[in-house]
Amino acid sequence: MLLRAISGLIFPDQGRVTIDGNVIGKDLDFPKDMGILIGYPDFISYLSAFDNLKQLNHIRKRSSEERMHEVLKEVGL
């Protein structure tokens, strides 16, 4: 629960999570440049490796499709 609150996935009923003076849920929806996997990381089984990466990239839009193809090739997928 603490990690969920820190990452902005839930908001506490009491108290607050403050990062660099900003309150999560009030000043920020979630911390800038934070990535977190809670529980069991998984992929969407009916999507290809590329389409799974594309879904993740849709959240932050950090990589081009070309770069995603390069990474998949580097790791043998």
PDB file of N, CA and C in Angstrom:
ATOM      1  N   MET A   1       0.813  -1.189   0.000  1.00  0.00           N
ATOM      2  CA  MET A   1       0.000   0.000   0.000  1.00  0.00           C
ATOM      3  C   MET A   1       0.861   1.260   0.000  1.00  0.00           C
ATOM      4  N   LEU A   2       1.956   1.221   0.741  1.00  0.00           N
ATOM      5  CA  LEU A   2       2.825   2.389   0.796  1.00  0.00           C
ATOM      6  C   LEU A   2       3.391   2.713  -0.586  1.00  0.00           C
ATOM      7  N   LEU A   3       3.852   1.685  -1.300  1.00  0.00           N
ATOM      8  CA  LEU A   3       4.386   1.926  -2.647  1.00  0.00           C
ATOM      9  C   LEU A   3       3.312   2.452  -3.589  1.00  0.00           C
ATOM     10  N   ARG A   4       2.104   1.967  -3.443  1.00  0.00           N
ATOM     11  CA  ARG A   4       0.996   2.462  -4.272  1.00  0.00           C
ATOM     12  C   ARG A   4       0.723   3.939  -3.970  1.00  0.00           C
ATOM     13  N   ALA A   5       0.782   4.302  -2.701  1.00  0.00           N
ATOM     14  CA  ALA A   5       0.560   5.701  -2.324  1.00  0.00           C
ATOM     15  C   ALA A   5       1.697   6.593  -2.821  1.00  0.00           C
ATOM     16  N   ILE A   6       2.926   6.128  -2.678  1.00  0.00           N
ATOM     17  CA  ILE A   6       4.074   6.908  -3.137  1.00  0.00           C
ATOM     18  C   ILE A   6       4.005   7.119  -4.647  1.00  0.00           C
ATOM     19  N   SER A   7       3.552   6.111  -5.376  1.00  0.00           N
ATOM     20  CA  SER A   7       3.519   6.206  -6.834  1.00  0.00           C
ATOM     21  C   SER A   7       2.264   6.891  -7.359  1.00  0.00           C
ATOM     22  N   GLY A   8       1.330   7.264  -6.484  1.00  0.00           N
ATOM     23  CA  GLY A   8       0.132   7.972  -6.924  1.00  0.00           C
ATOM     24  C   GLY A   8      -0.956   7.061  -7.457  1.00  0.00           C
ATOM     25  N   LEU A   9      -0.837   5.751  -7.204  1.00  0.00           N
ATOM     26  CA  LEU A   9      -1.876   4.831  -7.660  1.00  0.00           C
ATOM     27  C   LEU A   9      -3.093   4.850  -6.735  1.00  0.00           C
ATOM     28  N   ILE A  10      -2.848   5.171  -5.473  1.00  0.00           N
ATOM     29  CA  ILE A  10      -3.922   5.375  -4.504  1.00  0.00           C
ATOM     30  C   ILE A  10      -3.572   6.612  -3.692  1.00  0.00           C
ATOM     31  N   PHE A  11      -4.563   7.166  -3.025  1.00  0.00           N
ATOM     32  CA  PHE A  11      -4.332   8.335  -2.180  1.00  0.00           C
ATOM     33  C   PHE A  11      -4.756   7.995  -0.756  1.00  0.00           C
ATOM     34  N   PRO A  12      -3.915   8.328   0.226  1.00  0.00           N
ATOM     35  CA  PRO A  12      -4.217   7.970   1.611  1.00  0.00           C
ATOM     36  C   PRO A  12      -5.444   8.712   2.148  1.00  0.00           C
ATOM     37  N   ASP A  13      -6.194   8.025   3.030  1.00  0.00           N
ATOM     38  CA  ASP A  13      -7.326   8.656   3.718  1.00  0.00           C
ATOM     39  C   ASP A  13      -6.838   9.642   4.771  1.00  0.00           C
ATOM     40  N   GLN A  14      -5.676   9.313   5.360  1.00  0.00           N
ATOM     41  CA  GLN A  14      -5.075  10.185   6.359  1.00  0.00           C
ATOM     42  C   GLN A  14      -3.609  10.373   6.010  1.00  0.00           C
ATOM     43  N   GLY A  15      -3.054  11.503   6.390  1.00  0.00           N
ATOM     44  CA  GLY A  15      -1.657  11.788   6.098  1.00  0.00           C
ATOM     45  C   GLY A  15      -1.489  12.201   4.646  1.00  0.00           C
ATOM     46  N   ARG A  16      -0.232  12.275   4.224  1.00  0.00           N
ATOM     47  CA  ARG A  16       0.035  12.669   2.835  1.00  0.00           C
ATOM     48  C   ARG A  16       1.407  12.174   2.417  1.00  0.00           C
ATOM     49  N   VAL A  17       1.578  12.055   1.135  1.00  0.00           N
ATOM     50  CA  VAL A  17       2.870  11.698   0.554  1.00  0.00           C
ATOM     51  C   VAL A  17       3.398  12.952  -0.116  1.00  0.00           C
ATOM     52  N   THR A  18       4.583  13.380   0.311  1.00  0.00           N
ATOM     53  CA  THR A  18       5.186  14.591  -0.227  1.00  0.00           C
ATOM     54  C   THR A  18       6.511  14.242  -0.898  1.00  0.00           C
ATOM     55  N   ILE A  19       6.682  14.699  -2.122  1.00  0.00           N
ATOM     56  CA  ILE A  19       7.921  14.488  -2.867  1.00  0.00           C
ATOM     57  C   ILE A  19       8.383  15.839  -3.383  1.00  0.00           C
ATOM     58  N   ASP A  20       9.580  16.231  -2.982  1.00  0.00           N
ATOM     59  CA  ASP A  20      10.140  17.535  -3.353  1.00  0.00           C
ATOM     60  C   ASP A  20       9.168  18.675  -3.052  1.00  0.00           C
ATOM     61  N   GLY A  21       8.483  18.583  -1.919  1.00  0.00           N
ATOM     62  CA  GLY A  21       7.567  19.636  -1.503  1.00  0.00           C
ATOM     63  C   GLY A  21       6.201  19.587  -2.163  1.00  0.00           C
ATOM     64  N   ASN A  22       5.962  18.622  -3.039  1.00  0.00           N
ATOM     65  CA  ASN A  22       4.679  18.481  -3.721  1.00  0.00           C
ATOM     66  C   ASN A  22       3.903  17.312  -3.127  1.00  0.00           C
ATOM     67  N   VAL A  23       2.626  17.537  -2.855  1.00  0.00           N
ATOM     68  CA  VAL A  23       1.774  16.508  -2.274  1.00  0.00           C
ATOM     69  C   VAL A  23       1.140  15.689  -3.400  1.00  0.00           C
ATOM     70  N   ILE A  24       1.357  14.365  -3.320  1.00  0.00           N
ATOM     71  CA  ILE A  24       0.771  13.466  -4.310  1.00  0.00           C
ATOM     72  C   ILE A  24      -0.748  13.476  -4.136  1.00  0.00           C
ATOM     73  N   GLY A  25      -1.469  13.667  -5.230  1.00  0.00           N
ATOM     74  CA  GLY A  25      -2.924  13.734  -5.198  1.00  0.00           C
ATOM     75  C   GLY A  25      -3.454  15.145  -5.099  1.00  0.00           C
ATOM     76  N   LYS A  26      -2.577  16.081  -4.739  1.00  0.00           N
ATOM     77  CA  LYS A  26      -2.981  17.487  -4.666  1.00  0.00           C
ATOM     78  C   LYS A  26      -2.184  18.301  -5.682  1.00  0.00           C
ATOM     79  N   ASP A  27      -0.859  18.312  -5.533  1.00  0.00           N
ATOM     80  CA  ASP A  27       0.006  19.066  -6.443  1.00  0.00           C
ATOM     81  C   ASP A  27       0.404  18.237  -7.665  1.00  0.00           C
ATOM     82  N   LEU A  28       0.520  16.938  -7.476  1.00  0.00           N
ATOM     83  CA  LEU A  28       0.923  16.007  -8.536  1.00  0.00           C
ATOM     84  C   LEU A  28       0.005  14.804  -8.540  1.00  0.00           C
ATOM     85  N   ASP A  29      -0.300  14.290  -9.739  1.00  0.00           N
ATOM     86  CA  ASP A  29      -1.041  13.026  -9.819  1.00  0.00           C
ATOM     87  C   ASP A  29      -0.117  11.856  -9.527  1.00  0.00           C
ATOM     88  N   PHE A  30       1.123  11.945 -10.002  1.00  0.00           N
ATOM     89  CA  PHE A  30       2.135  10.916  -9.741  1.00  0.00           C
ATOM     90  C   PHE A  30       3.505  11.559  -9.877  1.00  0.00           C
ATOM     91  N   PRO A  31       4.519  10.995  -9.236  1.00  0.00           N
ATOM     92  CA  PRO A  31       5.864  11.580  -9.286  1.00  0.00           C
ATOM     93  C   PRO A  31       6.433  11.586 -10.706  1.00  0.00           C
ATOM     94  N   LYS A  32       7.104  12.642 -11.037  1.00  0.00           N
ATOM     95  CA  LYS A  32       7.738  12.766 -12.352  1.00  0.00           C
ATOM     96  C   LYS A  32       8.824  11.702 -12.508  1.00  0.00           C
ATOM     97  N   ASP A  33       8.867  11.090 -13.667  1.00  0.00           N
ATOM     98  CA  ASP A  33       9.896  10.107 -14.030  1.00  0.00           C
ATOM     99  C   ASP A  33       9.957   8.901 -13.105  1.00  0.00           C
ATOM    100  N   MET A  34       8.840   8.525 -12.550  1.00  0.00           N
ATOM    101  CA  MET A  34       8.813   7.334 -11.697  1.00  0.00           C
ATOM    102  C   MET A  34       8.273   6.157 -12.493  1.00  0.00           C
ATOM    103  N   GLY A  35       8.919   5.034 -12.332  1.00  0.00           N
ATOM    104  CA  GLY A  35       8.422   3.794 -12.899  1.00  0.00           C
ATOM    105  C   GLY A  35       8.339   2.768 -11.788  1.00  0.00           C
ATOM    106  N   ILE A  36       7.270   2.013 -11.762  1.00  0.00           N
ATOM    107  CA  ILE A  36       7.113   1.039 -10.686  1.00  0.00           C
ATOM    108  C   ILE A  36       6.284  -0.140 -11.180  1.00  0.00           C
ATOM    109  N   LEU A  37       6.693  -1.314 -10.773  1.00  0.00           N
ATOM    110  CA  LEU A  37       5.919  -2.527 -11.009  1.00  0.00           C
ATOM    111  C   LEU A  37       5.576  -3.103  -9.652  1.00  0.00           C
ATOM    112  N   ILE A  38       4.304  -3.214  -9.368  1.00  0.00           N
ATOM    113  CA  ILE A  38       3.855  -3.757  -8.089  1.00  0.00           C
ATOM    114  C   ILE A  38       3.127  -5.065  -8.377  1.00  0.00           C
ATOM    115  N   GLY A  39       3.475  -6.084  -7.645  1.00  0.00           N
ATOM    116  CA  GLY A  39       2.834  -7.374  -7.860  1.00  0.00           C
ATOM    117  C   GLY A  39       3.608  -8.184  -8.884  1.00  0.00           C
ATOM    118  N   TYR A  40       2.896  -8.778  -9.779  1.00  0.00           N
ATOM    119  CA  TYR A  40       3.509  -9.635 -10.784  1.00  0.00           C
ATOM    120  C   TYR A  40       3.519  -8.932 -12.136  1.00  0.00           C
ATOM    121  N   PRO A  41       4.694  -8.475 -12.584  1.00  0.00           N
ATOM    122  CA  PRO A  41       4.739  -7.838 -13.904  1.00  0.00           C
ATOM    123  C   PRO A  41       4.372  -8.870 -14.968  1.00  0.00           C
ATOM    124  N   ASP A  42       3.630  -8.453 -15.920  1.00  0.00           N
ATOM    125  CA  ASP A  42       3.164  -9.371 -16.948  1.00  0.00           C
ATOM    126  C   ASP A  42       3.013  -8.615 -18.251  1.00  0.00           C
ATOM    127  N   PHE A  43       2.739  -9.332 -19.290  1.00  0.00           N
ATOM    128  CA  PHE A  43       2.468  -8.732 -20.574  1.00  0.00           C
ATOM    129  C   PHE A  43       1.058  -9.143 -20.986  1.00  0.00           C
ATOM    130  N   ILE A  44       0.527  -8.455 -21.974  1.00  0.00           N
ATOM    131  CA  ILE A  44      -0.795  -8.790 -22.481  1.00  0.00           C
ATOM    132  C   ILE A  44      -0.616  -9.932 -23.473  1.00  0.00           C
ATOM    133  N   SER A  45      -1.099 -11.104 -23.123  1.00  0.00           N
ATOM    134  CA  SER A  45      -0.769 -12.334 -23.846  1.00  0.00           C
ATOM    135  C   SER A  45      -1.204 -12.345 -25.304  1.00  0.00           C
ATOM    136  N   TYR A  46      -2.246 -11.650 -25.651  1.00  0.00           N
ATOM    137  CA  TYR A  46      -2.714 -11.672 -27.038  1.00  0.00           C
ATOM    138  C   TYR A  46      -2.036 -10.614 -27.914  1.00  0.00           C
ATOM    139  N   LEU A  47      -1.128  -9.825 -27.322  1.00  0.00           N
ATOM    140  CA  LEU A  47      -0.379  -8.831 -28.094  1.00  0.00           C
ATOM    141  C   LEU A  47       1.043  -9.311 -28.335  1.00  0.00           C
ATOM    142  N   SER A  48       1.638  -8.846 -29.403  1.00  0.00           N
ATOM    143  CA  SER A  48       3.040  -9.158 -29.683  1.00  0.00           C
ATOM    144  C   SER A  48       3.928  -8.391 -28.710  1.00  0.00           C
ATOM    145  N   ALA A  49       5.216  -8.750 -28.685  1.00  0.00           N
ATOM    146  CA  ALA A  49       6.169  -8.030 -27.830  1.00  0.00           C
ATOM    147  C   ALA A  49       6.187  -6.550 -28.211  1.00  0.00           C
ATOM    148  N   PHE A  50       6.185  -6.267 -29.499  1.00  0.00           N
ATOM    149  CA  PHE A  50       6.186  -4.872 -29.960  1.00  0.00           C
ATOM    150  C   PHE A  50       4.930  -4.141 -29.487  1.00  0.00           C
ATOM    151  N   ASP A  51       3.765  -4.775 -29.617  1.00  0.00           N
ATOM    152  CA  ASP A  51       2.528  -4.115 -29.208  1.00  0.00           C
ATOM    153  C   ASP A  51       2.459  -3.920 -27.693  1.00  0.00           C
ATOM    154  N   ASN A  52       3.053  -4.838 -26.916  1.00  0.00           N
ATOM    155  CA  ASN A  52       3.140  -4.627 -25.468  1.00  0.00           C
ATOM    156  C   ASN A  52       3.998  -3.410 -25.164  1.00  0.00           C
ATOM    157  N   LEU A  53       5.159  -3.293 -25.829  1.00  0.00           N
ATOM    158  CA  LEU A  53       6.012  -2.114 -25.636  1.00  0.00           C
ATOM    159  C   LEU A  53       5.289  -0.841 -26.057  1.00  0.00           C
ATOM    160  N   LYS A  54       4.570  -0.934 -27.134  1.00  0.00           N
ATOM    161  CA  LYS A  54       3.831   0.220 -27.649  1.00  0.00           C
ATOM    162  C   LYS A  54       2.796   0.690 -26.609  1.00  0.00           C
ATOM    163  N   GLN A  55       2.129  -0.248 -25.943  1.00  0.00           N
ATOM    164  CA  GLN A  55       1.166   0.104 -24.900  1.00  0.00           C
ATOM    165  C   GLN A  55       1.857   0.834 -23.745  1.00  0.00           C
ATOM    166  N   LEU A  56       3.004   0.314 -23.320  1.00  0.00           N
ATOM    167  CA  LEU A  56       3.759   0.977 -22.247  1.00  0.00           C
ATOM    168  C   LEU A  56       4.249   2.351 -22.684  1.00  0.00           C
ATOM    169  N   ASN A  57       4.701   2.444 -23.909  1.00  0.00           N
ATOM    170  CA  ASN A  57       5.216   3.714 -24.426  1.00  0.00           C
ATOM    171  C   ASN A  57       4.108   4.762 -24.542  1.00  0.00           C
ATOM    172  N   HIS A  58       2.889   4.317 -24.717  1.00  0.00           N
ATOM    173  CA  HIS A  58       1.759   5.242 -24.834  1.00  0.00           C
ATOM    174  C   HIS A  58       1.591   6.091 -23.568  1.00  0.00           C
ATOM    175  N   ILE A  59       1.991   5.539 -22.435  1.00  0.00           N
ATOM    176  CA  ILE A  59       1.860   6.244 -21.157  1.00  0.00           C
ATOM    177  C   ILE A  59       2.773   7.466 -21.097  1.00  0.00           C
ATOM    178  N   ARG A  60       4.038   7.301 -21.452  1.00  0.00           N
ATOM    179  CA  ARG A  60       5.001   8.399 -21.310  1.00  0.00           C
ATOM    180  C   ARG A  60       5.574   8.914 -22.626  1.00  0.00           C
ATOM    181  N   LYS A  61       5.352   8.194 -23.704  1.00  0.00           N
ATOM    182  CA  LYS A  61       5.817   8.610 -25.033  1.00  0.00           C
ATOM    183  C   LYS A  61       7.298   8.985 -25.044  1.00  0.00           C
ATOM    184  N   ARG A  62       8.141   8.033 -24.632  1.00  0.00           N
ATOM    185  CA  ARG A  62       9.575   8.297 -24.545  1.00  0.00           C
ATOM    186  C   ARG A  62      10.384   7.694 -25.678  1.00  0.00           C
ATOM    187  N   SER A  63       9.825   6.731 -26.404  1.00  0.00           N
ATOM    188  CA  SER A  63      10.609   6.045 -27.437  1.00  0.00           C
ATOM    189  C   SER A  63       9.881   6.065 -28.768  1.00  0.00           C
ATOM    190  N   SER A  64      10.663   6.089 -29.809  1.00  0.00           N
ATOM    191  CA  SER A  64      10.081   5.996 -31.145  1.00  0.00           C
ATOM    192  C   SER A  64       9.829   4.522 -31.463  1.00  0.00           C
ATOM    193  N   GLU A  65       8.990   4.274 -32.460  1.00  0.00           N
ATOM    194  CA  GLU A  65       8.753   2.891 -32.875  1.00  0.00           C
ATOM    195  C   GLU A  65      10.056   2.264 -33.364  1.00  0.00           C
ATOM    196  N   GLU A  66      10.890   3.055 -34.006  1.00  0.00           N
ATOM    197  CA  GLU A  66      12.188   2.560 -34.483  1.00  0.00           C
ATOM    198  C   GLU A  66      13.039   2.065 -33.308  1.00  0.00           C
ATOM    199  N   ARG A  67      13.076   2.845 -32.230  1.00  0.00           N
ATOM    200  CA  ARG A  67      13.864   2.446 -31.064  1.00  0.00           C
ATOM    201  C   ARG A  67      13.294   1.186 -30.418  1.00  0.00           C
ATOM    202  N   MET A  68      11.977   1.076 -30.365  1.00  0.00           N
ATOM    203  CA  MET A  68      11.365  -0.121 -29.794  1.00  0.00           C
ATOM    204  C   MET A  68      11.739  -1.356 -30.610  1.00  0.00           C
ATOM    205  N   HIS A  69      11.744  -1.235 -31.937  1.00  0.00           N
ATOM    206  CA  HIS A  69      12.176  -2.353 -32.793  1.00  0.00           C
ATOM    207  C   HIS A  69      13.640  -2.705 -32.523  1.00  0.00           C
ATOM    208  N   GLU A  70      14.489  -1.680 -32.353  1.00  0.00           N
ATOM    209  CA  GLU A  70      15.915  -1.919 -32.064  1.00  0.00           C
ATOM    210  C   GLU A  70      16.089  -2.687 -30.752  1.00  0.00           C
ATOM    211  N   VAL A  71      15.361  -2.290 -29.735  1.00  0.00           N
ATOM    212  CA  VAL A  71      15.471  -2.946 -28.432  1.00  0.00           C
ATOM    213  C   VAL A  71      15.009  -4.388 -28.516  1.00  0.00           C
ATOM    214  N   LEU A  72      13.910  -4.638 -29.193  1.00  0.00           N
ATOM    215  CA  LEU A  72      13.434  -6.017 -29.338  1.00  0.00           C
ATOM    216  C   LEU A  72      14.453  -6.880 -30.070  1.00  0.00           C
ATOM    217  N   LYS A  73      15.102  -6.293 -31.053  1.00  0.00           N
ATOM    218  CA  LYS A  73      16.131  -7.026 -31.782  1.00  0.00           C
ATOM    219  C   LYS A  73      17.322  -7.304 -30.867  1.00  0.00           C
ATOM    220  N   GLU A  74      17.726  -6.327 -30.051  1.00  0.00           N
ATOM    221  CA  GLU A  74      18.843  -6.479 -29.123  1.00  0.00           C
ATOM    222  C   GLU A  74      18.612  -7.620 -28.137  1.00  0.00           C
ATOM    223  N   VAL A  75      17.371  -7.797 -27.701  1.00  0.00           N
ATOM    224  CA  VAL A  75      17.078  -8.831 -26.710  1.00  0.00           C
ATOM    225  C   VAL A  75      16.591 -10.140 -27.343  1.00  0.00           C
ATOM    226  N   GLY A  76      16.572 -10.180 -28.658  1.00  0.00           N
ATOM    227  CA  GLY A  76      16.224 -11.402 -29.350  1.00  0.00           C
ATOM    228  C   GLY A  76      14.749 -11.702 -29.475  1.00  0.00           C
ATOM    229  N   LEU A  77      13.920 -10.676 -29.469  1.00  0.00           N
ATOM    230  CA  LEU A  77      12.485 -10.884 -29.640  1.00  0.00           C
ATOM    231  C   LEU A  77      12.000 -10.311 -30.961  1.00  0.00           C
TER     232      LEU A  77
END
